[in-house]
PDB file of N, CA and C in Angstrom:
ATOM      1  N   MET A   1      -0.263 107.449 125.255  1.00  0.00           N
ATOM      2  CA  MET A   1      -0.436 106.004 125.216  1.00  0.00           C
ATOM      3  C   MET A   1      -0.917 105.522 126.589  1.00  0.00           C
ATOM      4  N   PRO A   2      -1.989 104.734 126.618  1.00  0.00           N
ATOM      5  CA  PRO A   2      -2.469 104.225 127.909  1.00  0.00           C
ATOM      6  C   PRO A   2      -1.460 103.268 128.546  1.00  0.00           C
ATOM      7  N   ALA A   3      -1.531 103.172 129.856  1.00  0.00           N
ATOM      8  CA  ALA A   3      -0.628 102.278 130.590  1.00  0.00           C
ATOM      9  C   ALA A   3      -0.882 100.828 130.189  1.00  0.00           C
ATOM     10  N   LEU A   4       0.200 100.055 130.112  1.00  0.00           N
ATOM     11  CA  LEU A   4       0.073  98.631 129.807  1.00  0.00           C
ATOM     12  C   LEU A   4      -0.577  97.920 130.984  1.00  0.00           C
ATOM     13  N   ARG A   5      -1.581  97.127 130.693  1.00  0.00           N
ATOM     14  CA  ARG A   5      -2.269  96.321 131.710  1.00  0.00           C
ATOM     15  C   ARG A   5      -1.468  95.027 131.879  1.00  0.00           C
ATOM     16  N   THR A   6      -0.975  94.795 133.087  1.00  0.00           N
ATOM     17  CA  THR A   6      -0.008  93.729 133.322  1.00  0.00           C
ATOM     18  C   THR A   6      -0.488  92.756 134.394  1.00  0.00           C
ATOM     19  N   VAL A   7      -0.238  91.459 134.146  1.00  0.00           N
ATOM     20  CA  VAL A   7      -0.483  90.402 135.129  1.00  0.00           C
ATOM     21  C   VAL A   7       0.857  89.789 135.499  1.00  0.00           C
ATOM     22  N   ILE A   8       1.020  89.480 136.776  1.00  0.00           N
ATOM     23  CA  ILE A   8       2.228  88.839 137.291  1.00  0.00           C
ATOM     24  C   ILE A   8       1.857  87.472 137.838  1.00  0.00           C
ATOM     25  N   ALA A   9       2.591  86.442 137.412  1.00  0.00           N
ATOM     26  CA  ALA A   9       2.375  85.094 137.943  1.00  0.00           C
ATOM     27  C   ALA A   9       3.710  84.533 138.424  1.00  0.00           C
ATOM     28  N   ASP A  10       3.825  84.368 139.722  1.00  0.00           N
ATOM     29  CA  ASP A  10       5.028  83.809 140.339  1.00  0.00           C
ATOM     30  C   ASP A  10       4.613  83.243 141.683  1.00  0.00           C
ATOM     31  N   ASP A  11       5.148  82.089 142.045  1.00  0.00           N
ATOM     32  CA  ASP A  11       4.762  81.469 143.305  1.00  0.00           C
ATOM     33  C   ASP A  11       5.401  82.130 144.522  1.00  0.00           C
ATOM     34  N   ASP A  12       6.361  83.011 144.303  1.00  0.00           N
ATOM     35  CA  ASP A  12       7.034  83.689 145.410  1.00  0.00           C
ATOM     36  C   ASP A  12       6.428  85.076 145.630  1.00  0.00           C
ATOM     37  N   ARG A  13       5.842  85.285 146.787  1.00  0.00           N
ATOM     38  CA  ARG A  13       5.173  86.543 147.105  1.00  0.00           C
ATOM     39  C   ARG A  13       6.117  87.741 147.032  1.00  0.00           C
ATOM     40  N   ILE A  14       7.337  87.573 147.496  1.00  0.00           N
ATOM     41  CA  ILE A  14       8.306  88.675 147.484  1.00  0.00           C
ATOM     42  C   ILE A  14       8.671  89.052 146.045  1.00  0.00           C
ATOM     43  N   THR A  15       8.862  88.059 145.197  1.00  0.00           N
ATOM     44  CA  THR A  15       9.153  88.333 143.786  1.00  0.00           C
ATOM     45  C   THR A  15       7.999  89.097 143.148  1.00  0.00           C
ATOM     46  N   ARG A  16       6.771  88.674 143.427  1.00  0.00           N
ATOM     47  CA  ARG A  16       5.601  89.382 142.884  1.00  0.00           C
ATOM     48  C   ARG A  16       5.577  90.829 143.363  1.00  0.00           C
ATOM     49  N   SER A  17       5.872  91.041 144.630  1.00  0.00           N
ATOM     50  CA  SER A  17       5.860  92.386 145.193  1.00  0.00           C
ATOM     51  C   SER A  17       6.920  93.280 144.553  1.00  0.00           C
ATOM     52  N   ILE A  18       8.131  92.773 144.425  1.00  0.00           N
ATOM     53  CA  ILE A  18       9.219  93.550 143.814  1.00  0.00           C
ATOM     54  C   ILE A  18       8.884  93.869 142.362  1.00  0.00           C
ATOM     55  N   LEU A  19       8.427  92.868 141.635  1.00  0.00           N
ATOM     56  CA  LEU A  19       8.086  93.062 140.229  1.00  0.00           C
ATOM     57  C   LEU A  19       6.945  94.072 140.086  1.00  0.00           C
ATOM     58  N   SER A  20       5.957  93.971 140.950  1.00  0.00           N
ATOM     59  CA  SER A  20       4.842  94.909 140.917  1.00  0.00           C
ATOM     60  C   SER A  20       5.317  96.339 141.130  1.00  0.00           C
ATOM     61  N   THR A  21       6.196  96.542 142.090  1.00  0.00           N
ATOM     62  CA  THR A  21       6.734  97.881 142.359  1.00  0.00           C
ATOM     63  C   THR A  21       7.471  98.422 141.139  1.00  0.00           C
ATOM     64  N   ILE A  22       8.309  97.598 140.530  1.00  0.00           N
ATOM     65  CA  ILE A  22       9.056  98.024 139.337  1.00  0.00           C
ATOM     66  C   ILE A  22       8.095  98.400 138.212  1.00  0.00           C
ATOM     67  N   LEU A  23       7.083  97.576 137.997  1.00  0.00           N
ATOM     68  CA  LEU A  23       6.130  97.830 136.912  1.00  0.00           C
ATOM     69  C   LEU A  23       5.301  99.089 137.164  1.00  0.00           C
ATOM     70  N   LEU A  24       4.859  99.280 138.396  1.00  0.00           N
ATOM     71  CA  LEU A  24       4.096 100.484 138.728  1.00  0.00           C
ATOM     72  C   LEU A  24       4.938 101.734 138.532  1.00  0.00           C
ATOM     73  N   GLU A  25       6.199 101.679 138.971  1.00  0.00           N
ATOM     74  CA  GLU A  25       7.100 102.816 138.792  1.00  0.00           C
ATOM     75  C   GLU A  25       7.416 103.038 137.309  1.00  0.00           C
ATOM     76  N   GLY A  26       7.312 101.974 136.506  1.00  0.00           N
ATOM     77  CA  GLY A  26       7.547 102.071 135.072  1.00  0.00           C
ATOM     78  C   GLY A  26       6.317 102.499 134.292  1.00  0.00           C
ATOM     79  N   GLY A  27       5.227 102.805 134.990  1.00  0.00           N
ATOM     80  CA  GLY A  27       4.039 103.316 134.335  1.00  0.00           C
ATOM     81  C   GLY A  27       3.008 102.278 133.926  1.00  0.00           C
ATOM     82  N   CYS A  28       3.144 101.059 134.403  1.00  0.00           N
ATOM     83  CA  CYS A  28       2.175 100.003 134.085  1.00  0.00           C
ATOM     84  C   CYS A  28       1.055  99.965 135.114  1.00  0.00           C
ATOM     85  N   ASP A  29      -0.063  99.397 134.713  1.00  0.00           N
ATOM     86  CA  ASP A  29      -1.127  99.055 135.648  1.00  0.00           C
ATOM     87  C   ASP A  29      -1.012  97.561 135.921  1.00  0.00           C
ATOM     88  N   VAL A  30      -0.741  97.184 137.166  1.00  0.00           N
ATOM     89  CA  VAL A  30      -0.716  95.770 137.540  1.00  0.00           C
ATOM     90  C   VAL A  30      -2.154  95.404 137.880  1.00  0.00           C
ATOM     91  N   VAL A  31      -2.798  94.678 136.963  1.00  0.00           N
ATOM     92  CA  VAL A  31      -4.234  94.410 137.076  1.00  0.00           C
ATOM     93  C   VAL A  31      -4.548  93.047 137.678  1.00  0.00           C
ATOM     94  N   GLY A  32      -3.513  92.242 137.948  1.00  0.00           N
ATOM     95  CA  GLY A  32      -3.752  90.948 138.569  1.00  0.00           C
ATOM     96  C   GLY A  32      -2.468  90.236 138.906  1.00  0.00           C
ATOM     97  N   GLN A  33      -2.567  89.339 139.902  1.00  0.00           N
ATOM     98  CA  GLN A  33      -1.430  88.520 140.310  1.00  0.00           C
ATOM     99  C   GLN A  33      -1.925  87.121 140.628  1.00  0.00           C
ATOM    100  N   ALA A  34      -1.068  86.145 140.347  1.00  0.00           N
ATOM    101  CA  ALA A  34      -1.389  84.752 140.661  1.00  0.00           C
ATOM    102  C   ALA A  34      -0.144  84.074 141.199  1.00  0.00           C
ATOM    103  N   ASP A  35      -0.359  83.042 142.032  1.00  0.00           N
ATOM    104  CA  ASP A  35       0.781  82.317 142.607  1.00  0.00           C
ATOM    105  C   ASP A  35       0.900  80.893 142.086  1.00  0.00           C
ATOM    106  N   ASN A  36       0.096  80.547 141.064  1.00  0.00           N
ATOM    107  CA  ASN A  36       0.214  79.213 140.470  1.00  0.00           C
ATOM    108  C   ASN A  36      -0.277  79.249 139.020  1.00  0.00           C
ATOM    109  N   GLY A  37       0.084  78.220 138.276  1.00  0.00           N
ATOM    110  CA  GLY A  37      -0.224  78.177 136.858  1.00  0.00           C
ATOM    111  C   GLY A  37      -1.697  78.033 136.529  1.00  0.00           C
ATOM    112  N   ALA A  38      -2.438  77.343 137.370  1.00  0.00           N
ATOM    113  CA  ALA A  38      -3.867  77.166 137.102  1.00  0.00           C
ATOM    114  C   ALA A  38      -4.617  78.491 137.262  1.00  0.00           C
ATOM    115  N   ASP A  39      -4.299  79.233 138.319  1.00  0.00           N
ATOM    116  CA  ASP A  39      -4.992  80.494 138.570  1.00  0.00           C
ATOM    117  C   ASP A  39      -4.661  81.552 137.515  1.00  0.00           C
ATOM    118  N   VAL A  40      -3.422  81.552 137.012  1.00  0.00           N
ATOM    119  CA  VAL A  40      -3.062  82.588 136.042  1.00  0.00           C
ATOM    120  C   VAL A  40      -3.810  82.398 134.722  1.00  0.00           C
ATOM    121  N   ILE A  41      -4.141  81.176 134.377  1.00  0.00           N
ATOM    122  CA  ILE A  41      -4.920  80.950 133.156  1.00  0.00           C
ATOM    123  C   ILE A  41      -6.266  81.653 133.276  1.00  0.00           C
ATOM    124  N   GLN A  42      -6.988  81.375 134.357  1.00  0.00           N
ATOM    125  CA  GLN A  42      -8.306  81.981 134.556  1.00  0.00           C
ATOM    126  C   GLN A  42      -8.209  83.502 134.639  1.00  0.00           C
ATOM    127  N   LEU A  43      -7.204  83.977 135.349  1.00  0.00           N
ATOM    128  CA  LEU A  43      -7.007  85.417 135.514  1.00  0.00           C
ATOM    129  C   LEU A  43      -6.786  86.101 134.170  1.00  0.00           C
ATOM    130  N   CYS A  44      -5.914  85.534 133.361  1.00  0.00           N
ATOM    131  CA  CYS A  44      -5.608  86.140 132.057  1.00  0.00           C
ATOM    132  C   CYS A  44      -6.804  86.111 131.115  1.00  0.00           C
ATOM    133  N   LEU A  45      -7.519  85.014 131.091  1.00  0.00           N
ATOM    134  CA  LEU A  45      -8.682  84.925 130.212  1.00  0.00           C
ATOM    135  C   LEU A  45      -9.768  85.910 130.641  1.00  0.00           C
ATOM    136  N   GLN A  46      -9.870  86.158 131.935  1.00  0.00           N
ATOM    137  CA  GLN A  46     -10.861  87.103 132.450  1.00  0.00           C
ATOM    138  C   GLN A  46     -10.425  88.549 132.218  1.00  0.00           C
ATOM    139  N   ILE A  47      -9.185  88.881 132.565  1.00  0.00           N
ATOM    140  CA  ILE A  47      -8.707  90.269 132.540  1.00  0.00           C
ATOM    141  C   ILE A  47      -8.207  90.698 131.152  1.00  0.00           C
ATOM    142  N   GLN A  48      -7.658  89.769 130.392  1.00  0.00           N
ATOM    143  CA  GLN A  48      -7.064  90.028 129.076  1.00  0.00           C
ATOM    144  C   GLN A  48      -6.005  91.133 129.135  1.00  0.00           C
ATOM    145  N   PRO A  49      -4.897  90.852 129.832  1.00  0.00           N
ATOM    146  CA  PRO A  49      -3.843  91.862 129.978  1.00  0.00           C
ATOM    147  C   PRO A  49      -3.083  92.090 128.668  1.00  0.00           C
ATOM    148  N   ASP A  50      -2.348  93.191 128.636  1.00  0.00           N
ATOM    149  CA  ASP A  50      -1.451  93.466 127.516  1.00  0.00           C
ATOM    150  C   ASP A  50      -0.157  92.674 127.662  1.00  0.00           C
ATOM    151  N   VAL A  51       0.308  92.551 128.925  1.00  0.00           N
ATOM    152  CA  VAL A  51       1.590  91.911 129.211  1.00  0.00           C
ATOM    153  C   VAL A  51       1.406  90.924 130.358  1.00  0.00           C
ATOM    154  N   LEU A  52       2.060  89.786 130.230  1.00  0.00           N
ATOM    155  CA  LEU A  52       2.064  88.754 131.273  1.00  0.00           C
ATOM    156  C   LEU A  52       3.502  88.452 131.660  1.00  0.00           C
ATOM    157  N   PHE A  53       3.827  88.654 132.942  1.00  0.00           N
ATOM    158  CA  PHE A  53       5.110  88.221 133.494  1.00  0.00           C
ATOM    159  C   PHE A  53       4.849  86.871 134.140  1.00  0.00           C
ATOM    160  N   LEU A  54       5.524  85.838 133.649  1.00  0.00           N
ATOM    161  CA  LEU A  54       5.189  84.460 133.995  1.00  0.00           C
ATOM    162  C   LEU A  54       6.415  83.674 134.430  1.00  0.00           C
ATOM    163  N   ASP A  55       6.370  83.150 135.645  1.00  0.00           N
ATOM    164  CA  ASP A  55       7.438  82.293 136.166  1.00  0.00           C
ATOM    165  C   ASP A  55       7.305  80.901 135.553  1.00  0.00           C
ATOM    166  N   ILE A  56       8.410  80.228 135.320  1.00  0.00           N
ATOM    167  CA  ILE A  56       8.359  78.863 134.780  1.00  0.00           C
ATOM    168  C   ILE A  56       7.957  77.867 135.859  1.00  0.00           C
ATOM    169  N   ASN A  57       8.616  77.911 137.002  1.00  0.00           N
ATOM    170  CA  ASN A  57       8.383  76.916 138.052  1.00  0.00           C
ATOM    171  C   ASN A  57       7.345  77.403 139.054  1.00  0.00           C
ATOM    172  N   MET A  58       6.126  76.860 138.919  1.00  0.00           N
ATOM    173  CA  MET A  58       5.020  77.201 139.813  1.00  0.00           C
ATOM    174  C   MET A  58       4.228  75.942 140.127  1.00  0.00           C
ATOM    175  N   PRO A  59       3.471  75.960 141.237  1.00  0.00           N
ATOM    176  CA  PRO A  59       2.627  74.803 141.559  1.00  0.00           C
ATOM    177  C   PRO A  59       1.415  74.694 140.627  1.00  0.00           C
ATOM    178  N   LYS A  60       0.779  73.564 140.691  1.00  0.00           N
ATOM    179  CA  LYS A  60      -0.409  73.182 139.923  1.00  0.00           C
ATOM    180  C   LYS A  60      -0.096  72.999 138.445  1.00  0.00           C
ATOM    181  N   LEU A  61       0.304  74.049 137.758  1.00  0.00           N
ATOM    182  CA  LEU A  61       0.783  73.972 136.373  1.00  0.00           C
ATOM    183  C   LEU A  61       2.019  74.845 136.280  1.00  0.00           C
ATOM    184  N   ASN A  62       3.030  74.393 135.536  1.00  0.00           N
ATOM    185  CA  ASN A  62       4.200  75.257 135.377  1.00  0.00           C
ATOM    186  C   ASN A  62       3.881  76.350 134.356  1.00  0.00           C
ATOM    187  N   GLY A  63       4.792  77.290 134.210  1.00  0.00           N
ATOM    188  CA  GLY A  63       4.565  78.407 133.307  1.00  0.00           C
ATOM    189  C   GLY A  63       4.356  77.989 131.860  1.00  0.00           C
ATOM    190  N   PHE A  64       5.057  76.954 131.414  1.00  0.00           N
ATOM    191  CA  PHE A  64       4.891  76.480 130.036  1.00  0.00           C
ATOM    192  C   PHE A  64       3.489  75.914 129.821  1.00  0.00           C
ATOM    193  N   GLU A  65       3.031  75.110 130.771  1.00  0.00           N
ATOM    194  CA  GLU A  65       1.688  74.522 130.660  1.00  0.00           C
ATOM    195  C   GLU A  65       0.622  75.605 130.691  1.00  0.00           C
ATOM    196  N   ALA A  66       0.795  76.565 131.595  1.00  0.00           N
ATOM    197  CA  ALA A  66      -0.166  77.663 131.679  1.00  0.00           C
ATOM    198  C   ALA A  66      -0.167  78.483 130.398  1.00  0.00           C
ATOM    199  N   LEU A  67       1.012  78.774 129.874  1.00  0.00           N
ATOM    200  CA  LEU A  67       1.102  79.601 128.679  1.00  0.00           C
ATOM    201  C   LEU A  67       0.458  78.930 127.471  1.00  0.00           C
ATOM    202  N   ALA A  68       0.611  77.634 127.354  1.00  0.00           N
ATOM    203  CA  ALA A  68      -0.016  76.930 126.230  1.00  0.00           C
ATOM    204  C   ALA A  68      -1.529  77.153 126.250  1.00  0.00           C
ATOM    205  N   SER A  69      -2.147  77.113 127.426  1.00  0.00           N
ATOM    206  CA  SER A  69      -3.584  77.362 127.543  1.00  0.00           C
ATOM    207  C   SER A  69      -3.928  78.833 127.327  1.00  0.00           C
ATOM    208  N   ILE A  70      -3.109  79.719 127.859  1.00  0.00           N
ATOM    209  CA  ILE A  70      -3.357  81.161 127.712  1.00  0.00           C
ATOM    210  C   ILE A  70      -3.278  81.569 126.249  1.00  0.00           C
ATOM    211  N   ARG A  71      -2.316  81.031 125.528  1.00  0.00           N
ATOM    212  CA  ARG A  71      -2.136  81.382 124.105  1.00  0.00           C
ATOM    213  C   ARG A  71      -3.361  81.011 123.269  1.00  0.00           C
ATOM    214  N   GLU A  72      -4.087  79.963 123.663  1.00  0.00           N
ATOM    215  CA  GLU A  72      -5.295  79.583 122.922  1.00  0.00           C
ATOM    216  C   GLU A  72      -6.328  80.698 122.961  1.00  0.00           C
ATOM    217  N   GLY A  73      -6.499  81.325 124.117  1.00  0.00           N
ATOM    218  CA  GLY A  73      -7.499  82.380 124.266  1.00  0.00           C
ATOM    219  C   GLY A  73      -6.974  83.778 124.016  1.00  0.00           C
ATOM    220  N   LEU A  74      -5.674  83.961 124.221  1.00  0.00           N
ATOM    221  CA  LEU A  74      -5.048  85.283 124.070  1.00  0.00           C
ATOM    222  C   LEU A  74      -3.760  85.160 123.250  1.00  0.00           C
ATOM    223  N   PRO A  75      -3.875  84.927 121.961  1.00  0.00           N
ATOM    224  CA  PRO A  75      -2.674  84.692 121.161  1.00  0.00           C
ATOM    225  C   PRO A  75      -1.734  85.896 121.061  1.00  0.00           C
ATOM    226  N   LYS A  76      -2.240  87.102 121.325  1.00  0.00           N
ATOM    227  CA  LYS A  76      -1.417  88.306 121.148  1.00  0.00           C
ATOM    228  C   LYS A  76      -0.826  88.860 122.444  1.00  0.00           C
ATOM    229  N   VAL A  77      -1.126  88.238 123.590  1.00  0.00           N
ATOM    230  CA  VAL A  77      -0.582  88.762 124.844  1.00  0.00           C
ATOM    231  C   VAL A  77       0.941  88.714 124.800  1.00  0.00           C
ATOM    232  N   HIS A  78       1.565  89.788 125.255  1.00  0.00           N
ATOM    233  CA  HIS A  78       3.026  89.895 125.285  1.00  0.00           C
ATOM    234  C   HIS A  78       3.507  89.166 126.544  1.00  0.00           C
ATOM    235  N   VAL A  79       4.366  88.172 126.375  1.00  0.00           N
ATOM    236  CA  VAL A  79       4.782  87.332 127.499  1.00  0.00           C
ATOM    237  C   VAL A  79       6.261  87.529 127.813  1.00  0.00           C
ATOM    238  N   VAL A  80       6.515  87.818 129.088  1.00  0.00           N
ATOM    239  CA  VAL A  80       7.872  87.896 129.609  1.00  0.00           C
ATOM    240  C   VAL A  80       8.019  86.729 130.578  1.00  0.00           C
ATOM    241  N   MET A  81       8.862  85.763 130.218  1.00  0.00           N
ATOM    242  CA  MET A  81       9.069  84.586 131.062  1.00  0.00           C
ATOM    243  C   MET A  81      10.176  84.876 132.064  1.00  0.00           C
ATOM    244  N   LEU A  82       9.965  84.414 133.292  1.00  0.00           N
ATOM    245  CA  LEU A  82      10.921  84.584 134.382  1.00  0.00           C
ATOM    246  C   LEU A  82      11.401  83.220 134.843  1.00  0.00           C
ATOM    247  N   SER A  83      12.699  83.105 135.113  1.00  0.00           N
ATOM    248  CA  SER A  83      13.209  81.845 135.649  1.00  0.00           C
ATOM    249  C   SER A  83      14.596  82.034 136.235  1.00  0.00           C
ATOM    250  N   ALA A  84      14.880  81.260 137.245  1.00  0.00           N
ATOM    251  CA  ALA A  84      16.242  81.216 137.782  1.00  0.00           C
ATOM    252  C   ALA A  84      17.101  80.269 136.953  1.00  0.00           C
ATOM    253  N   SER A  85      16.462  79.526 136.067  1.00  0.00           N
ATOM    254  CA  SER A  85      17.158  78.520 135.267  1.00  0.00           C
ATOM    255  C   SER A  85      17.044  78.839 133.783  1.00  0.00           C
ATOM    256  N   SER A  86      18.140  79.296 133.201  1.00  0.00           N
ATOM    257  CA  SER A  86      18.129  79.636 131.774  1.00  0.00           C
ATOM    258  C   SER A  86      18.744  78.497 130.957  1.00  0.00           C
ATOM    259  N   THR A  87      18.250  77.286 131.167  1.00  0.00           N
ATOM    260  CA  THR A  87      18.774  76.138 130.438  1.00  0.00           C
ATOM    261  C   THR A  87      18.384  76.227 128.965  1.00  0.00           C
ATOM    262  N   LEU A  88      19.100  75.518 128.141  1.00  0.00           N
ATOM    263  CA  LEU A  88      18.797  75.487 126.715  1.00  0.00           C
ATOM    264  C   LEU A  88      17.383  74.960 126.480  1.00  0.00           C
ATOM    265  N   ASP A  89      16.974  73.942 127.236  1.00  0.00           N
ATOM    266  CA  ASP A  89      15.619  73.404 127.091  1.00  0.00           C
ATOM    267  C   ASP A  89      14.563  74.463 127.415  1.00  0.00           C
ATOM    268  N   ASN A  90      14.785  75.246 128.472  1.00  0.00           N
ATOM    269  CA  ASN A  90      13.835  76.300 128.829  1.00  0.00           C
ATOM    270  C   ASN A  90      13.762  77.361 127.738  1.00  0.00           C
ATOM    271  N   VAL A  91      14.907  77.758 127.223  1.00  0.00           N
ATOM    272  CA  VAL A  91      14.936  78.777 126.169  1.00  0.00           C
ATOM    273  C   VAL A  91      14.243  78.257 124.909  1.00  0.00           C
ATOM    274  N   ARG A  92      14.488  77.016 124.555  1.00  0.00           N
ATOM    275  CA  ARG A  92      13.830  76.427 123.371  1.00  0.00           C
ATOM    276  C   ARG A  92      12.314  76.381 123.542  1.00  0.00           C
ATOM    277  N   GLU A  93      11.863  75.990 124.734  1.00  0.00           N
ATOM    278  CA  GLU A  93      10.426  75.921 124.978  1.00  0.00           C
ATOM    279  C   GLU A  93       9.806  77.321 124.932  1.00  0.00           C
ATOM    280  N   CYS A  94      10.517  78.308 125.446  1.00  0.00           N
ATOM    281  CA  CYS A  94      10.042  79.692 125.358  1.00  0.00           C
ATOM    282  C   CYS A  94       9.880  80.111 123.898  1.00  0.00           C
ATOM    283  N   MET A  95      10.842  79.784 123.089  1.00  0.00           N
ATOM    284  CA  MET A  95      10.767  80.123 121.668  1.00  0.00           C
ATOM    285  C   MET A  95       9.588  79.414 121.008  1.00  0.00           C
ATOM    286  N   ARG A  96       9.398  78.152 121.327  1.00  0.00           N
ATOM    287  CA  ARG A  96       8.309  77.372 120.738  1.00  0.00           C
ATOM    288  C   ARG A  96       6.944  77.975 121.084  1.00  0.00           C
ATOM    289  N   LEU A  97       6.828  78.484 122.312  1.00  0.00           N
ATOM    290  CA  LEU A  97       5.560  79.035 122.781  1.00  0.00           C
ATOM    291  C   LEU A  97       5.380  80.520 122.443  1.00  0.00           C
ATOM    292  N   GLY A  98       6.351  81.103 121.765  1.00  0.00           N
ATOM    293  CA  GLY A  98       6.226  82.495 121.351  1.00  0.00           C
ATOM    294  C   GLY A  98       6.426  83.505 122.460  1.00  0.00           C
ATOM    295  N   VAL A  99       7.276  83.173 123.427  1.00  0.00           N
ATOM    296  CA  VAL A  99       7.586  84.111 124.504  1.00  0.00           C
ATOM    297  C   VAL A  99       8.339  85.295 123.901  1.00  0.00           C
ATOM    298  N   ASN A 100       7.992  86.502 124.336  1.00  0.00           N
ATOM    299  CA  ASN A 100       8.591  87.710 123.776  1.00  0.00           C
ATOM    300  C   ASN A 100       9.914  88.086 124.421  1.00  0.00           C
ATOM    301  N   SER A 101      10.053  87.826 125.716  1.00  0.00           N
ATOM    302  CA  SER A 101      11.276  88.148 126.448  1.00  0.00           C
ATOM    303  C   SER A 101      11.507  87.102 127.534  1.00  0.00           C
ATOM    304  N   PHE A 102      12.769  86.949 127.920  1.00  0.00           N
ATOM    305  CA  PHE A 102      13.149  85.995 128.962  1.00  0.00           C
ATOM    306  C   PHE A 102      14.041  86.731 129.947  1.00  0.00           C
ATOM    307  N   ILE A 103      13.657  86.727 131.216  1.00  0.00           N
ATOM    308  CA  ILE A 103      14.450  87.388 132.255  1.00  0.00           C
ATOM    309  C   ILE A 103      14.897  86.336 133.259  1.00  0.00           C
ATOM    310  N   VAL A 104      16.203  86.336 133.519  1.00  0.00           N
ATOM    311  CA  VAL A 104      16.768  85.402 134.486  1.00  0.00           C
ATOM    312  C   VAL A 104      16.722  86.045 135.872  1.00  0.00           C
ATOM    313  N   LYS A 105      16.245  85.259 136.842  1.00  0.00           N
ATOM    314  CA  LYS A 105      16.236  85.709 138.239  1.00  0.00           C
ATOM    315  C   LYS A 105      17.623  85.475 138.839  1.00  0.00           C
ATOM    316  N   PRO A 106      18.063  86.320 139.736  1.00  0.00           N
ATOM    317  CA  PRO A 106      17.407  87.544 140.172  1.00  0.00           C
ATOM    318  C   PRO A 106      17.500  88.615 139.078  1.00  0.00           C
ATOM    319  N   PHE A 107      16.446  89.399 138.939  1.00  0.00           N
ATOM    320  CA  PHE A 107      16.396  90.400 137.888  1.00  0.00           C
ATOM    321  C   PHE A 107      16.659  91.788 138.460  1.00  0.00           C
ATOM    322  N   THR A 108      16.960  92.707 137.575  1.00  0.00           N
ATOM    323  CA  THR A 108      17.153  94.106 137.955  1.00  0.00           C
ATOM    324  C   THR A 108      15.989  94.915 137.384  1.00  0.00           C
ATOM    325  N   PRO A 109      15.731  96.069 137.955  1.00  0.00           N
ATOM    326  CA  PRO A 109      14.689  96.925 137.380  1.00  0.00           C
ATOM    327  C   PRO A 109      14.961  97.246 135.906  1.00  0.00           C
ATOM    328  N   GLU A 110      16.220  97.430 135.565  1.00  0.00           N
ATOM    329  CA  GLU A 110      16.577  97.751 134.181  1.00  0.00           C
ATOM    330  C   GLU A 110      16.171  96.633 133.222  1.00  0.00           C
ATOM    331  N   LYS A 111      16.355  95.381 133.632  1.00  0.00           N
ATOM    332  CA  LYS A 111      15.975  94.257 132.763  1.00  0.00           C
ATOM    333  C   LYS A 111      14.466  94.168 132.602  1.00  0.00           C
ATOM    334  N   VAL A 112      13.742  94.418 133.673  1.00  0.00           N
ATOM    335  CA  VAL A 112      12.282  94.384 133.606  1.00  0.00           C
ATOM    336  C   VAL A 112      11.778  95.494 132.682  1.00  0.00           C
ATOM    337  N   LEU A 113      12.298  96.693 132.865  1.00  0.00           N
ATOM    338  CA  LEU A 113      11.852  97.825 132.044  1.00  0.00           C
ATOM    339  C   LEU A 113      12.269  97.656 130.589  1.00  0.00           C
ATOM    340  N   SER A 114      13.407  97.033 130.359  1.00  0.00           N
ATOM    341  CA  SER A 114      13.835  96.749 128.991  1.00  0.00           C
ATOM    342  C   SER A 114      12.871  95.775 128.313  1.00  0.00           C
ATOM    343  N   ALA A 115      12.421  94.769 129.045  1.00  0.00           N
ATOM    344  CA  ALA A 115      11.451  93.813 128.495  1.00  0.00           C
ATOM    345  C   ALA A 115      10.125  94.511 128.191  1.00  0.00           C
ATOM    346  N   LEU A 116       9.773  95.504 128.983  1.00  0.00           N
ATOM    347  CA  LEU A 116       8.538  96.261 128.745  1.00  0.00           C
ATOM    348  C   LEU A 116       8.608  97.085 127.470  1.00  0.00           C
ATOM    349  N   LYS A 117       9.787  97.601 127.168  1.00  0.00           N
ATOM    350  CA  LYS A 117       9.933  98.429 125.965  1.00  0.00           C
ATOM    351  C   LYS A 117       9.524  97.652 124.714  1.00  0.00           C
ATOM    352  N   THR A 118       9.811  96.365 124.671  1.00  0.00           N
ATOM    353  CA  THR A 118       9.423  95.578 123.501  1.00  0.00           C
ATOM    354  C   THR A 118       7.912  95.410 123.450  1.00  0.00           C
ATOM    355  N   ALA A 119       7.244  95.461 124.584  1.00  0.00           N
ATOM    356  CA  ALA A 119       5.786  95.330 124.615  1.00  0.00           C
ATOM    357  C   ALA A 119       5.103  96.604 124.124  1.00  0.00           C
ATOM    358  N   LYS A 120       5.760  97.730 124.251  1.00  0.00           N
ATOM    359  CA  LYS A 120       5.169  99.011 123.865  1.00  0.00           C
ATOM    360  C   LYS A 120       5.243  99.275 122.361  1.00  0.00           C
ATOM    361  N   ARG A 121       5.983  98.455 121.647  1.00  0.00           N
ATOM    362  CA  ARG A 121       6.147  98.660 120.197  1.00  0.00           C
ATOM    363  C   ARG A 121       4.927  98.246 119.434  1.00  0.00           C
TER     364      ARG A 121
END
């Protein structure tokens, strides 16, 4: 099975770096990174990744706004939402937008790799 092509979108550089390391060690190809919601839309439409790790709170557009646009062009992309805030409203919005997995920050490598397993099915 070819490596999953993955994009990471988070406004925190350290979070992106840690997540990238975990994904690379888990056998993924990290094919792009963005630090805001507007850039991740363009990146995803251009690269067409298999999996998108997407932070909720980002500048320009939040993760929900970005995902709504991404879903129009890439309805099948597997989305793992990241947030330090697992409020009921956030979880409901994730469900509405068809998010595949939700990881609460701070995350562990095990949680990230577990979310990837659902993408490989």
